[in-house]
C-alpha cells in the first residue's frame, strides 16, 4: 500500500502565501506524475497543477502565475507554493500521484493514489 500525506494547509490572509507538501510513502518503484487538485463541498474536484517525473508542469488558468508546483524525487514529495492567495482559493486541496509499485520481483503495477486532503482557507 502507498500513502500520500499532505501538510501545510491552514488559514491565511488575503494576499498571503502557503506551501503545501505531499509525501508519498510505501512500496514504490517509481513515481510518474504528481499533482494537486482542489474541491469545494458539493462540487467537482478540479485540477490545480501537475508535474511529471521529468519536471514538466501544467497549471489551471485560475492559478497560473500565482502557484508553483515542484517535486523532490529523492523524498518522493511534491510541493505547491501558493502566492497571492485569494478567498476564491478556499478549498480542500488533494495530492495525487500516479506511480509504479512492485507486485513481484519481475513485475510492477501502475496505480493512482490520493491524499486525505488539507484545508486552505483564505480570509477576505
Protein backbone atom coordinates (compact mmCIF):
# COMPACT_ATOMS: atom_id res chain seq x y z
CA UNK A 1 0.00 0.00 0.00
CA UNK A 2 1.12 3.52 -0.82
CA UNK A 3 0.08 6.52 1.23
CA UNK A 4 0.11 10.20 0.36
CA UNK A 5 0.17 12.59 3.28
CA UNK A 6 -0.49 16.28 2.76
CA UNK A 7 0.51 19.08 5.08
CA UNK A 8 0.79 22.83 5.09
CA UNK A 9 -2.82 23.90 4.85
CA UNK A 10 -4.34 26.43 7.16
CA UNK A 11 -5.71 29.92 7.47
CA UNK A 12 -4.06 32.78 5.64
CA UNK A 13 -4.94 36.38 4.89
CA UNK A 14 -5.93 37.65 1.50
CA UNK A 15 -2.70 38.10 -0.46
CA UNK A 16 -0.73 35.75 1.74
CA UNK A 17 1.21 32.61 0.92
CA UNK A 18 1.24 28.96 1.88
CA UNK A 19 3.28 25.96 0.84
CA UNK A 20 1.61 22.58 0.70
CA UNK A 21 3.64 19.39 0.91
CA UNK A 22 2.72 15.87 -0.10
CA UNK A 23 4.94 12.94 0.78
CA UNK A 24 4.45 9.52 -0.74
CA UNK A 25 5.47 6.50 1.27
CA UNK A 26 5.24 2.76 0.95
CA UNK A 27 6.39 0.27 -1.61
CA UNK A 28 7.15 2.50 -4.59
CA UNK A 29 9.11 1.58 -7.66
CA UNK A 30 8.86 4.98 -9.28
CA UNK A 31 6.52 7.96 -9.32
CA UNK A 32 5.29 9.25 -12.63
CA UNK A 33 3.03 12.30 -12.46
CA UNK A 34 2.17 14.09 -9.25
CA UNK A 35 -0.38 16.81 -8.87
CA UNK A 36 -2.67 18.90 -6.78
CA UNK A 37 -6.43 19.11 -7.07
CA UNK A 38 -8.99 21.03 -5.07
CA UNK A 39 -12.62 20.56 -4.21
CA UNK A 40 -15.30 22.66 -2.60
CA UNK A 41 -18.16 20.98 -0.74
CA UNK A 42 -20.75 19.63 -3.15
CA UNK A 43 -18.65 20.44 -6.19
CA UNK A 44 -16.43 18.56 -8.61
CA UNK A 45 -12.76 18.12 -7.88
CA UNK A 46 -10.68 20.25 -10.21
CA UNK A 47 -7.09 20.24 -11.36
CA UNK A 48 -4.75 22.82 -9.88
CA UNK A 49 -1.30 21.77 -11.07
CA UNK A 50 0.59 18.70 -12.20
CA UNK A 51 4.24 17.85 -12.61
CA UNK A 52 5.83 14.95 -14.46
CA UNK A 53 8.78 12.90 -13.35
CA UNK A 54 10.89 14.97 -15.73
CA UNK A 55 9.72 18.26 -14.24
CA UNK A 56 7.23 19.43 -16.85
CA UNK A 57 4.40 21.39 -15.25
CA UNK A 58 0.82 22.21 -16.06
CA UNK A 59 -1.42 24.70 -14.29
CA UNK A 60 -5.04 25.62 -14.23
CA UNK A 61 -5.59 29.06 -15.70
CA UNK A 62 -7.05 30.25 -12.42
CA UNK A 63 -3.76 29.73 -10.58
CA UNK A 64 -1.21 30.30 -13.31
CA UNK A 65 1.33 32.89 -12.27
CA UNK A 66 0.45 32.56 -8.59
CA UNK A 67 1.07 28.89 -7.77
CA UNK A 68 4.21 26.87 -8.38
CA UNK A 69 4.40 23.09 -8.25
CA UNK A 70 7.69 21.33 -7.65
CA UNK A 71 8.95 17.94 -6.56
CA UNK A 72 11.86 16.36 -4.79
CA UNK A 73 12.34 12.92 -6.25
CA UNK A 74 14.78 11.89 -3.53
CA UNK A 75 11.99 12.39 -0.97
CA UNK A 76 9.02 11.26 -3.06
CA UNK A 77 7.49 14.61 -2.28
CA UNK A 78 5.66 17.27 -4.24
CA UNK A 79 5.10 20.85 -3.15
CA UNK A 80 2.63 23.52 -4.08
CA UNK A 81 3.79 27.05 -3.36
CA UNK A 82 0.79 29.33 -3.34
CA UNK A 83 1.35 33.06 -3.54
CA UNK A 84 -1.11 35.93 -3.60
CA UNK A 85 -3.87 33.75 -2.22
CA UNK A 86 -7.43 34.95 -2.62
CA UNK A 87 -10.68 33.94 -0.93
CA UNK A 88 -11.61 32.13 -4.15
CA UNK A 89 -8.74 29.73 -3.41
CA UNK A 90 -10.51 28.43 -0.30
CA UNK A 91 -10.81 24.68 -0.88
CA UNK A 92 -9.71 21.35 0.38
CA UNK A 93 -6.57 20.54 -1.60
CA UNK A 94 -5.77 16.96 -2.51
CA UNK A 95 -2.49 15.45 -3.59
CA UNK A 96 -2.44 12.88 -6.37
CA UNK A 97 0.25 10.54 -7.62
CA UNK A 98 0.43 8.13 -10.49
CA UNK A 99 3.14 5.59 -9.82
CA UNK A 100 4.53 2.12 -10.33
CA UNK A 101 4.58 -0.16 -7.34
CA UNK A 102 6.28 -3.55 -7.20
CA UNK A 103 3.99 -6.53 -7.38
CA UNK A 104 6.61 -9.23 -7.80
CA UNK A 105 10.32 -9.15 -8.49
CA UNK A 106 9.56 -9.38 -12.20
CA UNK A 107 6.53 -7.09 -12.26
CA UNK A 108 5.48 -3.56 -11.44
CA UNK A 109 1.92 -2.29 -11.36
CA UNK A 110 0.65 1.19 -12.26
CA UNK A 111 -1.70 2.78 -9.79
CA UNK A 112 -3.19 6.07 -8.67
CA UNK A 113 -3.32 7.37 -5.11
CA UNK A 114 -4.92 10.31 -3.39
CA UNK A 115 -4.07 12.03 -0.17
CA UNK A 116 -6.60 12.74 2.53
CA UNK A 117 -6.78 16.44 1.75
CA UNK A 118 -5.61 19.56 3.50
CA UNK A 119 -7.83 22.59 4.06
CA UNK A 120 -6.81 26.01 2.81
CA UNK A 121 -8.85 28.96 4.00
CA UNK A 122 -8.15 32.47 2.76
CA UNK A 123 -9.82 35.23 4.71
CA UNK A 124 -11.19 38.31 3.00
